[in-house]
Protein backbone atom coordinates (compact mmCIF):
# COMPACT_ATOMS: atom_id res chain seq x y z
CA ILE A 1 0.00 0.00 0.00
CA GLY A 2 2.84 2.36 0.82
CA ALA A 3 4.53 1.68 -2.52
CA SER A 4 1.24 2.18 -4.35
CA LEU A 5 0.49 5.48 -2.60
CA ALA A 6 4.02 6.80 -3.09
CA SER A 7 3.90 5.98 -6.80
CA ALA A 8 0.48 7.60 -7.17
CA LEU A 9 1.67 10.77 -5.40
CA LEU A 10 4.73 10.92 -7.62
CA LEU A 11 2.69 10.48 -10.79
CA ASN A 12 0.22 13.10 -9.56
CA SER A 13 2.94 15.72 -9.18
CA ALA A 14 3.44 18.38 -11.83
CA VAL A 15 7.14 17.60 -12.37
CA VAL A 16 6.56 14.14 -13.87
CA ARG A 17 6.13 13.91 -17.63
CA TRP A 18 4.66 11.10 -19.73
CA LYS A 19 2.30 10.15 -16.92
CA PRO A 20 0.14 7.76 -19.01
CA VAL A 21 3.26 5.85 -20.07
CA TRP A 22 4.47 5.48 -16.49
CA ARG A 23 1.02 4.35 -15.35
CA VAL A 24 0.95 1.65 -18.03
CA LEU A 25 4.47 0.47 -17.17
CA LEU A 26 3.76 0.29 -13.43
CA PHE A 27 0.35 -1.34 -13.91
CA ALA A 28 1.61 -3.92 -16.42
CA PRO A 29 2.92 -6.44 -13.81
CA TYR A 30 -0.58 -6.74 -12.34
CA VAL A 31 -2.07 -8.00 -15.61
CA THR A 32 0.82 -10.23 -16.69
CA GLY A 33 0.64 -13.98 -16.20
CA LEU A 34 1.72 -15.16 -12.78
CA VAL A 35 3.62 -18.24 -13.93
CA ALA A 36 5.58 -16.34 -16.57
CA THR A 37 6.58 -13.56 -14.18
CA ALA A 38 7.42 -16.05 -11.44
CA VAL A 39 9.78 -17.90 -13.78
CA VAL A 40 11.46 -14.60 -14.71
CA TRP A 41 11.87 -13.69 -11.04
CA ARG A 42 13.35 -17.09 -10.29
CA TYR A 43 16.07 -16.30 -12.82
CA LEU A 44 16.53 -12.81 -11.36
CA LEU A 45 16.91 -14.29 -7.86
CA ASN A 46 19.26 -17.08 -8.95
CA THR A 47 22.18 -17.36 -6.55
CA ARG A 48 24.93 -17.68 -9.16
CA HIS A 49 23.71 -15.89 -12.26
CA GLY A 50 20.76 -13.79 -11.09
CA LEU A 51 20.72 -10.11 -11.97
CA ILE A 52 19.98 -9.08 -8.38
CA ASN A 53 22.98 -10.94 -6.98
CA GLU A 54 25.16 -9.61 -9.79
CA ALA A 55 24.15 -6.10 -8.70
CA LEU A 56 25.02 -6.95 -5.09
CA ARG A 57 28.44 -8.29 -6.12
CA SER A 58 29.12 -5.16 -8.18
CA VAL A 59 28.92 -3.02 -5.03
CA GLY A 60 30.97 -5.44 -2.93
CA LEU A 61 28.12 -7.22 -1.14
CA PRO A 62 27.86 -11.03 -0.90
CA ALA A 63 25.33 -12.92 -2.96
CA VAL A 64 22.12 -14.00 -1.25
CA ASP A 65 20.50 -17.40 -1.69
CA TRP A 66 17.07 -15.81 -2.05
CA LEU A 67 15.02 -18.95 -2.65
CA GLY A 68 17.23 -21.44 -0.78
CA ASP A 69 17.77 -19.67 2.55
CA PRO A 70 14.81 -19.67 4.99
CA ARG A 71 15.84 -16.22 6.21
CA ALA A 72 15.71 -14.72 2.70
CA SER A 73 12.84 -16.66 1.12
CA ILE A 74 10.02 -14.66 2.75
CA PRO A 75 11.53 -11.26 1.79
CA ALA A 76 12.04 -12.56 -1.75
CA ILE A 77 8.41 -13.67 -2.02
CA LEU A 78 7.17 -10.37 -0.56
CA ILE A 79 9.27 -8.34 -3.00
CA PHE A 80 7.81 -10.32 -5.88
CA VAL A 81 4.24 -10.05 -4.60
CA THR A 82 4.57 -6.30 -4.02
CA TRP A 83 5.97 -5.77 -7.51
CA LYS A 84 3.18 -7.89 -8.95
CA VAL A 85 0.14 -6.32 -7.28
CA PHE A 86 1.00 -2.74 -6.25
CA GLY A 87 0.02 -1.38 -9.68
CA TYR A 88 -3.67 -1.99 -9.02
CA ASN A 89 -3.75 0.14 -5.87
CA MET A 90 -1.60 2.73 -7.62
CA VAL A 91 -4.25 3.24 -10.31
CA VAL A 92 -6.99 3.44 -7.65
CA PHE A 93 -5.01 5.99 -5.63
CA SER A 94 -4.27 8.01 -8.77
CA ALA A 95 -7.99 8.32 -9.46
CA ALA A 96 -8.65 9.31 -5.84
CA LEU A 97 -5.88 11.94 -5.89
CA ALA A 98 -7.29 13.43 -9.07
CA ALA A 99 -10.57 14.00 -7.21
CA VAL A 100 -8.99 15.92 -4.31
CA PRO A 101 -10.40 19.50 -4.40
CA ARG A 102 -7.77 21.84 -5.81
CA ASP A 103 -9.17 24.82 -3.92
CA LEU A 104 -8.43 23.11 -0.59
CA MET A 105 -4.85 22.42 -1.65
CA GLU A 106 -4.43 26.01 -2.81
CA ALA A 107 -5.91 27.38 0.42
CA ALA A 108 -3.56 25.23 2.50
CA ARG A 109 -0.61 26.39 0.41
CA LEU A 110 -1.57 30.04 0.87
CA ASP A 111 -1.85 29.48 4.63
CA GLY A 112 1.77 28.37 4.64
CA ALA A 113 1.28 24.61 4.93
CA GLY A 114 4.21 22.58 3.67
CA ALA A 115 4.06 19.48 1.52
CA TRP A 116 3.80 17.10 4.50
CA ALA A 117 1.13 19.22 6.19
CA ARG A 118 -0.93 19.37 2.98
CA PHE A 119 -0.66 15.62 2.58
CA ARG A 120 -1.59 14.91 6.20
CA HIS A 121 -4.45 17.38 6.62
CA VAL A 122 -5.86 17.68 3.10
CA THR A 123 -4.88 14.77 0.85
CA LEU A 124 -5.05 11.94 3.39
CA PRO A 125 -8.56 12.75 4.71
CA ALA A 126 -9.80 13.21 1.13
CA ILE A 127 -8.58 9.78 0.00
CA GLY A 128 -9.32 8.11 3.37
CA PRO A 129 -12.23 5.92 2.17
CA VAL A 130 -10.18 4.72 -0.81
CA LEU A 131 -7.24 4.01 1.48
CA VAL A 132 -9.48 1.94 3.76
CA LEU A 133 -10.83 -0.06 0.81
CA ALA A 134 -7.32 -0.70 -0.52
CA GLY A 135 -6.20 -1.79 2.94
CA LEU A 136 -9.09 -4.22 3.35
CA LEU A 137 -8.56 -5.80 -0.07
CA SER A 138 -4.78 -5.95 0.30
CA VAL A 139 -4.83 -7.57 3.75
CA ALA A 140 -7.43 -10.11 2.64
CA GLY A 141 -5.36 -10.86 -0.45
CA PHE A 142 -2.08 -11.25 1.44
CA LEU A 143 -3.67 -13.58 3.98
CA GLN A 144 -4.65 -15.81 1.06
CA ILE A 145 -1.32 -15.87 -0.78
CA PHE A 146 -0.92 -19.21 -2.51
CA ASP A 147 0.17 -18.95 -6.14
CA GLU A 148 3.49 -17.20 -5.57
CA PRO A 149 5.06 -19.65 -3.09
CA TYR A 150 3.52 -22.59 -4.95
CA VAL A 151 5.21 -21.59 -8.20
CA MET A 152 8.50 -20.23 -6.85
CA THR A 153 9.41 -22.31 -3.77
CA GLN A 154 6.76 -25.01 -3.26
CA GLY A 155 6.56 -23.92 0.36
CA GLY A 156 10.29 -24.30 1.02
CA PRO A 157 12.99 -24.08 2.05
CA ALA A 158 12.26 -25.75 5.38
CA GLN A 159 8.60 -24.72 5.04
CA SER A 160 9.57 -21.05 5.44
CA THR A 161 7.12 -19.97 2.71
CA LEU A 162 4.33 -22.35 3.69
CA THR A 163 1.42 -19.92 3.81
CA VAL A 164 -1.96 -20.65 5.37
CA THR A 165 -3.65 -21.32 2.04
CA TYR A 166 -0.71 -23.44 0.86
CA PHE A 167 -0.98 -25.50 4.06
CA MET A 168 -4.73 -25.84 3.52
CA PHE A 169 -4.15 -27.00 -0.06
CA SER A 170 -1.46 -29.45 1.00
CA GLU A 171 -3.56 -30.99 3.75
CA GLY A 172 -6.70 -31.19 1.64
CA PHE A 173 -5.46 -32.20 -1.81
CA GLU A 174 -2.08 -33.83 -1.21
CA TRP A 175 -2.67 -35.69 2.04
CA TRP A 176 -6.49 -35.78 1.92
CA ASN A 177 -6.82 -34.58 5.50
CA LEU A 178 -10.08 -32.85 4.66
CA GLY A 179 -10.98 -32.20 8.30
CA VAL A 180 -7.71 -30.35 8.93
CA ALA A 181 -8.07 -28.41 5.68
CA SER A 182 -11.62 -27.39 6.61
CA ALA A 183 -10.48 -26.27 10.06
CA VAL A 184 -7.71 -24.18 8.50
CA ALA A 185 -10.26 -22.54 6.20
CA VAL A 186 -12.46 -21.61 9.17
CA VAL A 187 -9.49 -20.19 11.10
CA LEU A 188 -8.41 -18.20 8.03
CA PHE A 189 -11.91 -16.78 7.68
CA ALA A 190 -11.96 -15.81 11.36
CA ALA A 191 -8.53 -14.17 11.12
CA THR A 192 -9.53 -12.21 8.03
CA LEU A 193 -12.74 -11.09 9.70
CA ALA A 194 -10.88 -10.01 12.85
CA VAL A 195 -8.26 -8.00 10.95
CA THR A 196 -10.97 -6.39 8.83
CA ALA A 197 -12.91 -5.40 11.94
CA VAL A 198 -9.80 -3.77 13.43
CA GLN A 199 -9.15 -1.85 10.21
CA VAL A 200 -12.74 -0.63 10.04
CA ARG A 201 -12.64 0.47 13.68
CA ILE A 202 -9.46 2.47 13.12
CA ALA A 203 -10.98 4.03 10.00
CA ARG A 204 -14.10 5.05 11.92
CA ARG A 205 -11.98 6.70 14.59
CA ARG A 206 -10.37 8.76 11.86
CA GLU A 207 -13.80 9.39 10.31
CA TRP A 208 -12.72 7.83 7.00
CA VAL A 209 -15.84 5.63 6.79
C-alpha cells in the first residue's frame, strides 16, 4: 500500500512527464501472467547468475540465496508479490488523488502549509475511504497468498514460505486430510474477519468511513 500510494503521489505531481506511459508500465505487472513472471523472477533471484545478486556483487556485497535460505525466502516472495500487485492500488489511488479539491490544496498552500502538512491534513482525509478499501482488499489478499510460493518455492525451504492457504491445499489435496483443511479454512476466515474489523474500527476513529 505504501509503494502504491508513493507511486500515485509521484505520478500526480506536476514535475513528472509522460504520466500515461508510467502508469501503463507500473500497472503492467498486475495484468501479466503469474507463472511467466514467477519464472522470470526465479532467474533474477538465482544465486549464481541472477541479476539481483550480480548487482550486489558489483557493489561489494555477498550474494544471497534468495530462494534457498529460509531467512531470505520470505523477503524474496514479498518483494515479488509487491511488484506484482502494487500497480492496481496505484491506479486506484491516482484516481482518488485526481478527485482531491484543488481549492483546498491552494488554500492550504496560501496558509503556509508545507508538503507534509498538505498531505496529512488535506490529501489523506480526502482519500481516506479509498485508502481503507485498498487496505481491506490488500490484507485479505495477502492472507490468502498461494500462487506465488507454490510456483517459486513449493513452500520451502524448510517450510519457510508455507502460507496458510498453501498449508490448507497441501492438507486437503495432497494428504487428503479434509478435516484439517476445513479447520484451517475456518481459522483463516476468522482471522480475516478479525483483521478487517480492526481496520474498520481504526478508519471510523479517523472518520474515513
